[in-house]
């Protein structure tokens, strides 16, 4: 389900954040932001706030970290936390931002040393799936 077009149109920061997300991820986020059965009314507020914060406030910051570096840091964080679906997006962003597959593998070497081999292997399975998707075209 898509995000409510009225909410997007009424909030330029939200629209800009969605555009940034598309540039980084390679696809539109709206399909993940629409209401789902049983959600309370303020769920849309949460999704908008989270989207604007991440893709409107954080990702565009380029003065001290470029997007590629920020993406590799984000892969590291998602892998360390074991949040596998967000990790999938972070690996896509890293590749879209110019990180190499080899650099991403090195992130998992680092995660293995500091967060544990099991956590690194779990996360690497997601990265390998993204690599396979890219190879398939």
Protein backbone atom coordinates (compact mmCIF):
# COMPACT_ATOMS: atom_id res chain seq x y z
CA UNK A 1 0.00 0.00 0.00
CA UNK A 2 1.26 3.45 -0.83
CA UNK A 3 1.66 6.42 1.46
CA UNK A 4 -1.27 8.82 1.43
CA UNK A 5 -0.59 11.19 -1.50
CA UNK A 6 -2.29 14.06 0.34
CA UNK A 7 0.15 13.75 3.25
CA UNK A 8 3.12 13.70 0.86
CA UNK A 9 1.86 16.69 -1.13
CA UNK A 10 1.12 18.68 2.04
CA UNK A 11 4.59 18.12 3.50
CA UNK A 12 7.48 19.24 1.26
CA UNK A 13 10.04 17.79 3.71
CA UNK A 14 8.35 14.39 3.45
CA UNK A 15 8.28 14.60 -0.35
CA UNK A 16 11.97 15.54 -0.44
CA UNK A 17 12.85 12.70 1.94
CA UNK A 18 10.99 10.22 -0.27
CA UNK A 19 12.93 11.51 -3.29
CA UNK A 20 16.22 11.08 -1.42
CA UNK A 21 15.23 7.54 -0.42
CA UNK A 22 14.50 6.72 -4.05
CA UNK A 23 17.87 8.08 -5.14
CA UNK A 24 19.68 6.02 -2.50
CA UNK A 25 17.67 2.80 -2.69
CA UNK A 26 16.79 2.78 -6.35
CA UNK A 27 13.04 2.47 -5.73
CA UNK A 28 10.20 4.42 -4.15
CA UNK A 29 9.41 3.83 -0.47
CA UNK A 30 5.73 4.69 -0.64
CA UNK A 31 4.74 1.06 -1.20
CA UNK A 32 6.01 0.30 2.33
CA UNK A 33 4.50 3.32 4.03
CA UNK A 34 0.80 2.90 3.45
CA UNK A 35 -1.60 1.82 6.18
CA UNK A 36 -1.95 -1.84 7.04
CA UNK A 37 -4.98 -3.50 8.61
CA UNK A 38 -5.24 -2.82 12.31
CA UNK A 39 -2.78 0.08 12.48
CA UNK A 40 -3.84 3.05 14.58
CA UNK A 41 -4.24 6.45 12.98
CA UNK A 42 -0.94 7.80 14.28
CA UNK A 43 1.05 5.09 12.48
CA UNK A 44 1.20 7.38 9.45
CA UNK A 45 2.78 10.06 11.66
CA UNK A 46 5.44 7.61 12.84
CA UNK A 47 6.27 6.54 9.26
CA UNK A 48 6.47 10.16 8.09
CA UNK A 49 8.62 11.25 11.04
CA UNK A 50 11.01 8.29 10.64
CA UNK A 51 11.27 8.84 6.87
CA UNK A 52 11.90 12.59 7.18
CA UNK A 53 14.48 12.05 9.93
CA UNK A 54 16.44 9.34 8.12
CA UNK A 55 16.18 10.46 4.51
CA UNK A 56 15.58 14.18 5.02
CA UNK A 57 17.82 15.02 7.97
CA UNK A 58 20.56 12.36 8.13
CA UNK A 59 21.37 10.97 4.68
CA UNK A 60 21.75 14.37 2.97
CA UNK A 61 24.44 15.45 5.44
CA UNK A 62 27.60 15.55 3.36
CA UNK A 63 29.94 17.95 5.08
CA UNK A 64 31.88 15.37 7.12
CA UNK A 65 30.80 11.97 5.75
CA UNK A 66 30.08 11.31 2.11
CA UNK A 67 27.15 9.07 1.19
CA UNK A 68 29.39 6.07 0.48
CA UNK A 69 31.01 6.25 3.94
CA UNK A 70 27.68 6.87 5.63
CA UNK A 71 26.29 3.80 3.81
CA UNK A 72 29.15 1.56 4.98
CA UNK A 73 28.61 2.78 8.56
CA UNK A 74 24.90 1.99 8.18
CA UNK A 75 25.64 -1.52 6.90
CA UNK A 76 27.85 -2.04 9.95
CA UNK A 77 25.19 -0.81 12.37
CA UNK A 78 22.36 -2.85 10.82
CA UNK A 79 24.52 -5.98 10.73
CA UNK A 80 25.65 -5.50 14.33
CA UNK A 81 22.08 -5.00 15.52
CA UNK A 82 20.92 -8.01 13.51
CA UNK A 83 18.11 -6.10 11.79
CA UNK A 84 18.12 -8.06 8.57
CA UNK A 85 15.50 -6.35 6.40
CA UNK A 86 16.90 -2.87 7.10
CA UNK A 87 20.34 -4.36 6.37
CA UNK A 88 19.11 -5.38 2.91
CA UNK A 89 18.29 -1.73 2.19
CA UNK A 90 21.59 -0.50 3.63
CA UNK A 91 23.56 -2.89 1.40
CA UNK A 92 21.61 -1.62 -1.61
CA UNK A 93 22.31 1.97 -0.61
CA UNK A 94 26.02 1.20 -0.14
CA UNK A 95 26.27 -0.33 -3.62
CA UNK A 96 24.29 2.53 -5.16
CA UNK A 97 26.62 4.99 -3.40
CA UNK A 98 29.72 3.43 -4.94
CA UNK A 99 30.87 0.97 -2.28
CA UNK A 100 32.29 -2.21 -3.74
CA UNK A 101 31.17 -5.70 -2.85
CA UNK A 102 34.66 -6.28 -1.47
CA UNK A 103 34.33 -3.28 0.87
CA UNK A 104 30.99 -4.59 2.07
CA UNK A 105 32.55 -8.00 2.76
CA UNK A 106 35.23 -6.21 4.81
CA UNK A 107 32.45 -4.65 6.89
CA UNK A 108 31.37 -8.19 7.80
CA UNK A 109 34.96 -9.11 8.70
CA UNK A 110 34.89 -6.18 11.13
CA UNK A 111 31.44 -7.13 12.46
CA UNK A 112 32.69 -10.68 13.05
CA UNK A 113 35.60 -9.38 15.14
CA UNK A 114 33.57 -6.98 17.26
CA UNK A 115 29.96 -8.20 17.26
CA UNK A 116 30.45 -11.92 16.77
CA UNK A 117 30.85 -14.38 13.94
CA UNK A 118 27.26 -15.63 14.16
CA UNK A 119 25.87 -12.10 13.82
CA UNK A 120 28.23 -11.41 10.92
CA UNK A 121 27.23 -14.61 9.11
CA UNK A 122 23.52 -13.84 9.53
CA UNK A 123 24.02 -10.40 8.06
CA UNK A 124 26.32 -11.57 5.32
CA UNK A 125 23.59 -13.89 4.03
CA UNK A 126 21.52 -10.79 3.32
CA UNK A 127 24.44 -9.08 1.60
CA UNK A 128 25.03 -12.19 -0.53
CA UNK A 129 21.36 -12.14 -1.58
CA UNK A 130 21.69 -8.50 -2.66
CA UNK A 131 24.89 -9.33 -4.57
CA UNK A 132 23.02 -12.15 -6.31
CA UNK A 133 20.11 -9.82 -7.20
CA UNK A 134 22.57 -7.37 -8.74
CA UNK A 135 24.33 -10.12 -10.71
CA UNK A 136 21.00 -11.36 -12.08
CA UNK A 137 20.20 -7.86 -13.31
